[in-house]
Amino acid sequence: MNIKSSVSKTFTAQATIGLYKGYSDEIILISDFKKKLYNRQQQIKKEFDVVLSVKLALCEIVFLGQEEPSVTLEFIQYPKFPVAEPLLKKAIIHLIELLMEDLDQNRTVIVFQDETICLEKSNEIDPKINI
């Protein structure tokens, strides 16, 4: 057995997207989420020539009265298909923007190793949050 290894500088990013449409109680099925993700991955490949492998983990956002089933998306610099970090970041941000549109999300945060970005369509806050 011949095992080859590819090594790249470590790069990670993480974004969590709620599974309620807008600020309703209408749930987004994980199967629908995956279909939209796949379609947008294809779009990112065409637009940026970047292939984004995504690790999905089910989770829940809990914040001052808000409890929302969610999905955390984790990205890495995949050593088999390395991309310059600025382009990789740009592709990830655009993917999340597209998913926000597809899934009727108002706000999402992306955590990179060196910065955290909040993407939002409006200043509206979920009415379930008690600030």
N, C-alpha and C. Protein backbone atom coordinates (compact mmCIF):
# COMPACT_ATOMS: atom_id res chain seq x y z
N MET A 1 0.85 -1.18 0.00
CA MET A 1 0.00 0.00 0.00
C MET A 1 0.89 1.24 0.00
N ASN A 2 0.67 2.12 -0.95
CA ASN A 2 1.38 3.39 -0.99
C ASN A 2 0.46 4.48 -0.47
N ILE A 3 0.92 5.17 0.53
CA ILE A 3 0.14 6.27 1.10
C ILE A 3 0.88 7.55 0.81
N LYS A 4 0.19 8.47 0.17
CA LYS A 4 0.78 9.78 -0.12
C LYS A 4 0.16 10.79 0.83
N SER A 5 0.91 11.81 1.14
CA SER A 5 0.34 12.84 2.00
C SER A 5 0.46 14.21 1.32
N SER A 6 -0.56 15.02 1.55
CA SER A 6 -0.56 16.40 1.09
C SER A 6 -0.67 17.27 2.34
N VAL A 7 0.10 18.33 2.36
CA VAL A 7 0.11 19.20 3.53
C VAL A 7 -0.11 20.63 3.07
N SER A 8 -0.90 21.36 3.83
CA SER A 8 -1.08 22.79 3.55
C SER A 8 -1.16 23.53 4.88
N LYS A 9 -0.95 24.83 4.81
CA LYS A 9 -1.08 25.67 6.00
C LYS A 9 -2.52 25.54 6.51
N THR A 10 -2.67 25.46 7.82
CA THR A 10 -4.00 25.29 8.40
C THR A 10 -4.85 26.52 8.20
N PHE A 11 -6.05 26.28 7.72
CA PHE A 11 -7.06 27.32 7.54
C PHE A 11 -8.38 26.69 7.94
N THR A 12 -9.14 27.38 8.78
CA THR A 12 -10.47 26.91 9.14
C THR A 12 -11.43 28.08 9.16
N ALA A 13 -12.69 27.75 8.94
CA ALA A 13 -13.77 28.73 9.05
C ALA A 13 -15.01 27.98 9.49
N GLN A 14 -15.89 28.71 10.16
CA GLN A 14 -17.10 28.09 10.68
C GLN A 14 -18.25 29.09 10.60
N ALA A 15 -19.42 28.61 10.20
CA ALA A 15 -20.63 29.44 10.17
C ALA A 15 -21.79 28.59 10.66
N THR A 16 -22.70 29.21 11.40
CA THR A 16 -23.88 28.50 11.87
C THR A 16 -25.11 29.16 11.27
N ILE A 17 -25.98 28.33 10.69
CA ILE A 17 -27.19 28.82 10.05
C ILE A 17 -28.39 28.18 10.73
N GLY A 18 -29.35 29.03 11.11
CA GLY A 18 -30.56 28.54 11.74
C GLY A 18 -31.43 27.75 10.78
N LEU A 19 -32.23 26.86 11.34
CA LEU A 19 -33.10 26.02 10.53
C LEU A 19 -34.57 26.44 10.63
N TYR A 20 -34.84 27.68 11.03
CA TYR A 20 -36.18 28.25 10.92
C TYR A 20 -36.15 29.24 9.76
N LYS A 21 -37.19 29.23 8.93
CA LYS A 21 -37.29 30.22 7.86
C LYS A 21 -37.62 31.56 8.49
N GLY A 22 -36.76 32.54 8.23
CA GLY A 22 -36.98 33.86 8.81
C GLY A 22 -37.08 33.75 10.32
N TYR A 23 -38.01 34.53 10.87
CA TYR A 23 -38.23 34.48 12.32
C TYR A 23 -39.53 33.74 12.62
N SER A 24 -39.85 32.76 11.78
CA SER A 24 -41.05 31.95 11.97
C SER A 24 -40.68 30.66 12.72
N ASP A 25 -41.65 29.79 12.86
CA ASP A 25 -41.40 28.47 13.43
C ASP A 25 -41.39 27.40 12.34
N GLU A 26 -41.33 27.84 11.07
CA GLU A 26 -41.31 26.91 9.94
C GLU A 26 -39.90 26.33 9.80
N ILE A 27 -39.82 25.02 9.97
CA ILE A 27 -38.53 24.35 9.99
C ILE A 27 -38.02 24.07 8.57
N ILE A 28 -36.73 24.19 8.39
CA ILE A 28 -36.07 23.82 7.14
C ILE A 28 -35.53 22.40 7.34
N LEU A 29 -35.99 21.48 6.52
CA LEU A 29 -35.53 20.10 6.64
C LEU A 29 -34.06 20.00 6.26
N ILE A 30 -33.33 19.14 6.93
CA ILE A 30 -31.90 18.99 6.65
C ILE A 30 -31.70 18.51 5.22
N SER A 31 -32.60 17.70 4.71
CA SER A 31 -32.49 17.25 3.31
C SER A 31 -32.61 18.43 2.35
N ASP A 32 -33.50 19.38 2.64
CA ASP A 32 -33.63 20.58 1.81
C ASP A 32 -32.39 21.46 1.95
N PHE A 33 -31.87 21.55 3.16
CA PHE A 33 -30.64 22.31 3.40
C PHE A 33 -29.51 21.76 2.54
N LYS A 34 -29.34 20.45 2.56
CA LYS A 34 -28.26 19.82 1.81
C LYS A 34 -28.41 20.05 0.30
N LYS A 35 -29.63 19.99 -0.21
CA LYS A 35 -29.86 20.24 -1.63
C LYS A 35 -29.43 21.66 -2.00
N LYS A 36 -29.82 22.61 -1.19
CA LYS A 36 -29.46 24.01 -1.46
C LYS A 36 -27.94 24.19 -1.35
N LEU A 37 -27.34 23.57 -0.35
CA LEU A 37 -25.89 23.64 -0.18
C LEU A 37 -25.19 23.07 -1.41
N TYR A 38 -25.61 21.91 -1.86
CA TYR A 38 -24.99 21.29 -3.03
C TYR A 38 -25.08 22.20 -4.25
N ASN A 39 -26.26 22.75 -4.49
CA ASN A 39 -26.44 23.65 -5.64
C ASN A 39 -25.54 24.86 -5.56
N ARG A 40 -25.41 25.42 -4.37
CA ARG A 40 -24.57 26.60 -4.20
C ARG A 40 -23.08 26.25 -4.26
N GLN A 41 -22.71 25.06 -3.82
CA GLN A 41 -21.32 24.62 -3.98
C GLN A 41 -20.97 24.57 -5.47
N GLN A 42 -21.90 24.09 -6.27
CA GLN A 42 -21.69 24.05 -7.72
C GLN A 42 -21.52 25.46 -8.29
N GLN A 43 -22.34 26.40 -7.79
CA GLN A 43 -22.25 27.78 -8.25
C GLN A 43 -20.90 28.39 -7.88
N ILE A 44 -20.45 28.14 -6.65
CA ILE A 44 -19.14 28.65 -6.21
C ILE A 44 -18.03 28.07 -7.08
N LYS A 45 -18.14 26.81 -7.43
CA LYS A 45 -17.13 26.17 -8.30
C LYS A 45 -17.08 26.89 -9.64
N LYS A 46 -18.24 27.21 -10.20
CA LYS A 46 -18.29 27.89 -11.49
C LYS A 46 -17.79 29.33 -11.40
N GLU A 47 -18.21 30.05 -10.36
CA GLU A 47 -17.87 31.47 -10.24
C GLU A 47 -16.43 31.72 -9.82
N PHE A 48 -15.91 30.90 -8.91
CA PHE A 48 -14.60 31.15 -8.32
C PHE A 48 -13.55 30.10 -8.68
N ASP A 49 -13.99 29.00 -9.30
CA ASP A 49 -13.12 27.85 -9.55
C ASP A 49 -12.54 27.34 -8.23
N VAL A 50 -13.40 27.31 -7.22
CA VAL A 50 -13.04 26.84 -5.88
C VAL A 50 -14.02 25.74 -5.49
N VAL A 51 -13.49 24.62 -5.03
CA VAL A 51 -14.35 23.55 -4.52
C VAL A 51 -14.32 23.61 -3.00
N LEU A 52 -15.51 23.72 -2.41
CA LEU A 52 -15.63 23.86 -0.95
C LEU A 52 -16.21 22.59 -0.36
N SER A 53 -15.39 21.89 0.38
CA SER A 53 -15.87 20.76 1.16
C SER A 53 -16.42 21.31 2.46
N VAL A 54 -17.60 20.83 2.85
CA VAL A 54 -18.27 21.37 4.04
C VAL A 54 -18.60 20.23 5.00
N LYS A 55 -18.21 20.40 6.24
CA LYS A 55 -18.61 19.47 7.30
C LYS A 55 -19.84 20.06 7.97
N LEU A 56 -20.93 19.30 8.03
CA LEU A 56 -22.17 19.75 8.66
C LEU A 56 -22.33 19.09 10.02
N ALA A 57 -22.71 19.88 11.01
CA ALA A 57 -23.00 19.35 12.34
C ALA A 57 -24.29 19.99 12.84
N LEU A 58 -25.24 19.17 13.24
CA LEU A 58 -26.48 19.71 13.81
C LEU A 58 -26.19 20.28 15.18
N CYS A 59 -26.80 21.41 15.48
CA CYS A 59 -26.61 22.05 16.78
C CYS A 59 -27.85 22.87 17.10
N GLU A 60 -27.78 23.67 18.13
CA GLU A 60 -28.89 24.54 18.52
C GLU A 60 -28.33 25.88 18.99
N ILE A 61 -28.96 26.95 18.53
CA ILE A 61 -28.61 28.29 19.00
C ILE A 61 -29.54 28.59 20.18
N VAL A 62 -28.97 28.98 21.30
CA VAL A 62 -29.74 29.37 22.48
C VAL A 62 -29.26 30.76 22.89
N PHE A 63 -30.19 31.73 22.86
CA PHE A 63 -29.80 33.11 23.14
C PHE A 63 -30.98 33.90 23.71
N LEU A 64 -30.99 34.11 25.02
CA LEU A 64 -31.96 34.99 25.69
C LEU A 64 -33.40 34.79 25.21
N GLY A 65 -33.86 33.55 25.24
CA GLY A 65 -35.23 33.24 24.86
C GLY A 65 -35.34 32.60 23.49
N GLN A 66 -34.34 32.76 22.68
CA GLN A 66 -34.34 32.13 21.35
C GLN A 66 -33.73 30.74 21.48
N GLU A 67 -34.42 29.76 20.95
CA GLU A 67 -33.90 28.40 20.85
C GLU A 67 -34.20 27.94 19.44
N GLU A 68 -33.14 27.75 18.65
CA GLU A 68 -33.34 27.43 17.25
C GLU A 68 -32.45 26.27 16.81
N PRO A 69 -33.08 25.21 16.26
CA PRO A 69 -32.25 24.16 15.67
C PRO A 69 -31.43 24.78 14.55
N SER A 70 -30.18 24.35 14.42
CA SER A 70 -29.27 24.98 13.49
C SER A 70 -28.29 23.97 12.92
N VAL A 71 -27.53 24.43 11.94
CA VAL A 71 -26.47 23.62 11.34
C VAL A 71 -25.19 24.44 11.37
N THR A 72 -24.12 23.84 11.84
CA THR A 72 -22.82 24.49 11.77
C THR A 72 -22.08 23.92 10.57
N LEU A 73 -21.57 24.83 9.75
CA LEU A 73 -20.80 24.46 8.57
C LEU A 73 -19.34 24.74 8.89
N GLU A 74 -18.49 23.76 8.70
CA GLU A 74 -17.07 23.93 8.96
C GLU A 74 -16.31 23.74 7.65
N PHE A 75 -15.35 24.62 7.43
CA PHE A 75 -14.54 24.61 6.22
C PHE A 75 -13.06 24.49 6.61
N ILE A 76 -12.31 23.84 5.75
CA ILE A 76 -10.85 23.78 5.93
C ILE A 76 -10.19 24.07 4.59
N GLN A 77 -8.90 24.31 4.66
CA GLN A 77 -8.08 24.34 3.44
C GLN A 77 -7.82 22.87 3.12
N TYR A 78 -8.53 22.35 2.17
CA TYR A 78 -8.40 20.93 1.84
C TYR A 78 -7.08 20.72 1.11
N PRO A 79 -6.13 19.99 1.68
CA PRO A 79 -4.79 19.88 1.10
C PRO A 79 -4.76 19.33 -0.34
N LYS A 80 -5.73 18.52 -0.70
CA LYS A 80 -5.75 17.96 -2.06
C LYS A 80 -6.06 19.04 -3.10
N PHE A 81 -6.85 20.06 -2.72
CA PHE A 81 -7.26 21.12 -3.63
C PHE A 81 -6.98 22.49 -3.00
N PRO A 82 -5.71 22.85 -2.78
CA PRO A 82 -5.39 24.10 -2.09
C PRO A 82 -5.81 25.34 -2.89
N VAL A 83 -6.19 26.38 -2.15
CA VAL A 83 -6.64 27.64 -2.73
C VAL A 83 -5.97 28.77 -1.93
N ALA A 84 -5.63 29.85 -2.59
CA ALA A 84 -5.08 31.01 -1.88
C ALA A 84 -6.11 31.48 -0.85
N GLU A 85 -5.64 31.77 0.36
CA GLU A 85 -6.57 32.10 1.46
C GLU A 85 -7.53 33.25 1.15
N PRO A 86 -7.09 34.35 0.54
CA PRO A 86 -8.05 35.42 0.26
C PRO A 86 -9.20 34.94 -0.65
N LEU A 87 -8.88 34.13 -1.64
CA LEU A 87 -9.92 33.60 -2.52
C LEU A 87 -10.81 32.60 -1.79
N LEU A 88 -10.21 31.79 -0.94
CA LEU A 88 -10.97 30.82 -0.15
C LEU A 88 -11.97 31.54 0.75
N LYS A 89 -11.52 32.60 1.44
CA LYS A 89 -12.41 33.39 2.29
C LYS A 89 -13.55 34.00 1.48
N LYS A 90 -13.20 34.57 0.34
CA LYS A 90 -14.20 35.22 -0.51
C LYS A 90 -15.26 34.20 -0.96
N ALA A 91 -14.82 33.00 -1.34
CA ALA A 91 -15.75 31.95 -1.77
C ALA A 91 -16.65 31.50 -0.63
N ILE A 92 -16.09 31.36 0.57
CA ILE A 92 -16.89 30.95 1.73
C ILE A 92 -17.92 32.03 2.07
N ILE A 93 -17.51 33.28 2.09
CA ILE A 93 -18.44 34.37 2.39
C ILE A 93 -19.58 34.39 1.38
N HIS A 94 -19.24 34.24 0.12
CA HIS A 94 -20.29 34.27 -0.91
C HIS A 94 -21.22 33.06 -0.78
N LEU A 95 -20.67 31.90 -0.48
CA LEU A 95 -21.51 30.72 -0.26
C LEU A 95 -22.51 30.97 0.86
N ILE A 96 -22.05 31.54 1.96
CA ILE A 96 -22.94 31.80 3.10
C ILE A 96 -23.99 32.84 2.72
N GLU A 97 -23.61 33.87 1.97
CA GLU A 97 -24.59 34.87 1.52
C GLU A 97 -25.67 34.21 0.66
N LEU A 98 -25.27 33.32 -0.23
CA LEU A 98 -26.24 32.63 -1.08
C LEU A 98 -27.17 31.75 -0.25
N LEU A 99 -26.61 31.04 0.71
CA LEU A 99 -27.44 30.19 1.57
C LEU A 99 -28.40 31.02 2.41
N MET A 100 -27.94 32.19 2.87
CA MET A 100 -28.83 33.07 3.63
C MET A 100 -30.05 33.45 2.79
N GLU A 101 -29.83 33.76 1.53
CA GLU A 101 -30.94 34.10 0.63
C GLU A 101 -31.86 32.89 0.45
N ASP A 102 -31.26 31.74 0.14
CA ASP A 102 -32.04 30.53 -0.12
C ASP A 102 -32.89 30.11 1.08
N LEU A 103 -32.36 30.33 2.28
CA LEU A 103 -32.98 29.80 3.50
C LEU A 103 -33.69 30.88 4.31
N ASP A 104 -33.82 32.07 3.76
CA ASP A 104 -34.52 33.18 4.41
C ASP A 104 -33.93 33.48 5.79
N GLN A 105 -32.62 33.66 5.82
CA GLN A 105 -31.91 33.98 7.06
C GLN A 105 -31.54 35.45 7.06
N ASN A 106 -31.74 36.12 8.16
CA ASN A 106 -31.43 37.55 8.26
C ASN A 106 -29.98 37.80 8.67
N ARG A 107 -29.44 36.93 9.50
CA ARG A 107 -28.11 37.20 10.07
C ARG A 107 -27.36 35.87 10.27
N THR A 108 -26.09 35.90 9.93
CA THR A 108 -25.22 34.74 10.14
C THR A 108 -23.81 35.25 10.44
N VAL A 109 -23.11 34.54 11.27
CA VAL A 109 -21.74 34.92 11.64
C VAL A 109 -20.79 33.86 11.08
N ILE A 110 -19.70 34.34 10.49
CA ILE A 110 -18.64 33.46 10.01
C ILE A 110 -17.40 33.72 10.86
N VAL A 111 -16.86 32.66 11.43
CA VAL A 111 -15.67 32.77 12.27
C VAL A 111 -14.48 32.21 11.50
N PHE A 112 -13.54 33.10 11.19
CA PHE A 112 -12.27 32.71 10.59
C PHE A 112 -11.23 32.72 11.71
N GLN A 113 -10.05 32.25 11.44
CA GLN A 113 -9.00 32.23 12.46
C GLN A 113 -8.57 33.64 12.87
N ASP A 114 -8.68 34.58 11.95
CA ASP A 114 -8.18 35.93 12.22
C ASP A 114 -9.26 37.00 12.36
N GLU A 115 -10.52 36.66 12.08
CA GLU A 115 -11.60 37.64 12.20
C GLU A 115 -12.95 36.94 12.22
N THR A 116 -13.93 37.66 12.75
CA THR A 116 -15.31 37.18 12.78
C THR A 116 -16.15 38.19 12.03
N ILE A 117 -16.94 37.69 11.07
CA ILE A 117 -17.75 38.56 10.22
C ILE A 117 -19.22 38.26 10.46
N CYS A 118 -20.00 39.31 10.68
CA CYS A 118 -21.45 39.17 10.81
C CYS A 118 -22.08 39.66 9.51
N LEU A 119 -22.77 38.77 8.82
CA LEU A 119 -23.51 39.12 7.62
C LEU A 119 -24.96 39.33 8.02
N GLU A 120 -25.56 40.44 7.62
CA GLU A 120 -26.96 40.64 7.95
C GLU A 120 -27.66 41.44 6.86
N LYS A 121 -28.93 41.08 6.65
CA LYS A 121 -29.73 41.76 5.64
C LYS A 121 -30.44 42.98 6.23
N SER A 122 -30.76 42.93 7.52
CA SER A 122 -31.43 44.06 8.17
C SER A 122 -31.08 44.07 9.65
N ASN A 123 -31.46 45.14 10.34
CA ASN A 123 -31.23 45.25 11.79
C ASN A 123 -32.28 44.50 12.60
N GLU A 124 -33.24 43.90 11.94
CA GLU A 124 -34.31 43.20 12.63
C GLU A 124 -33.73 42.11 13.53
N ILE A 125 -34.35 41.93 14.69
CA ILE A 125 -33.94 40.93 15.68
C ILE A 125 -35.09 39.95 15.88
N ASP A 126 -34.78 38.68 16.05
CA ASP A 126 -35.79 37.67 16.32
C ASP A 126 -36.62 38.11 17.52
N PRO A 127 -37.96 38.19 17.38
CA PRO A 127 -38.81 38.63 18.48
C PRO A 127 -38.75 37.72 19.72
N LYS A 128 -38.21 36.52 19.55
CA LYS A 128 -38.08 35.60 20.70
C LYS A 128 -36.93 36.01 21.61
N ILE A 129 -36.00 36.84 21.12
CA ILE A 129 -34.85 37.26 21.91
C ILE A 129 -35.26 38.38 22.85
N ASN A 130 -34.98 38.20 24.13
CA ASN A 130 -35.33 39.18 25.16
C ASN A 130 -34.10 39.98 25.56
N ILE A 131 -33.89 41.10 24.90
CA ILE A 131 -32.72 41.93 25.22
C ILE A 131 -33.18 43.04 26.18
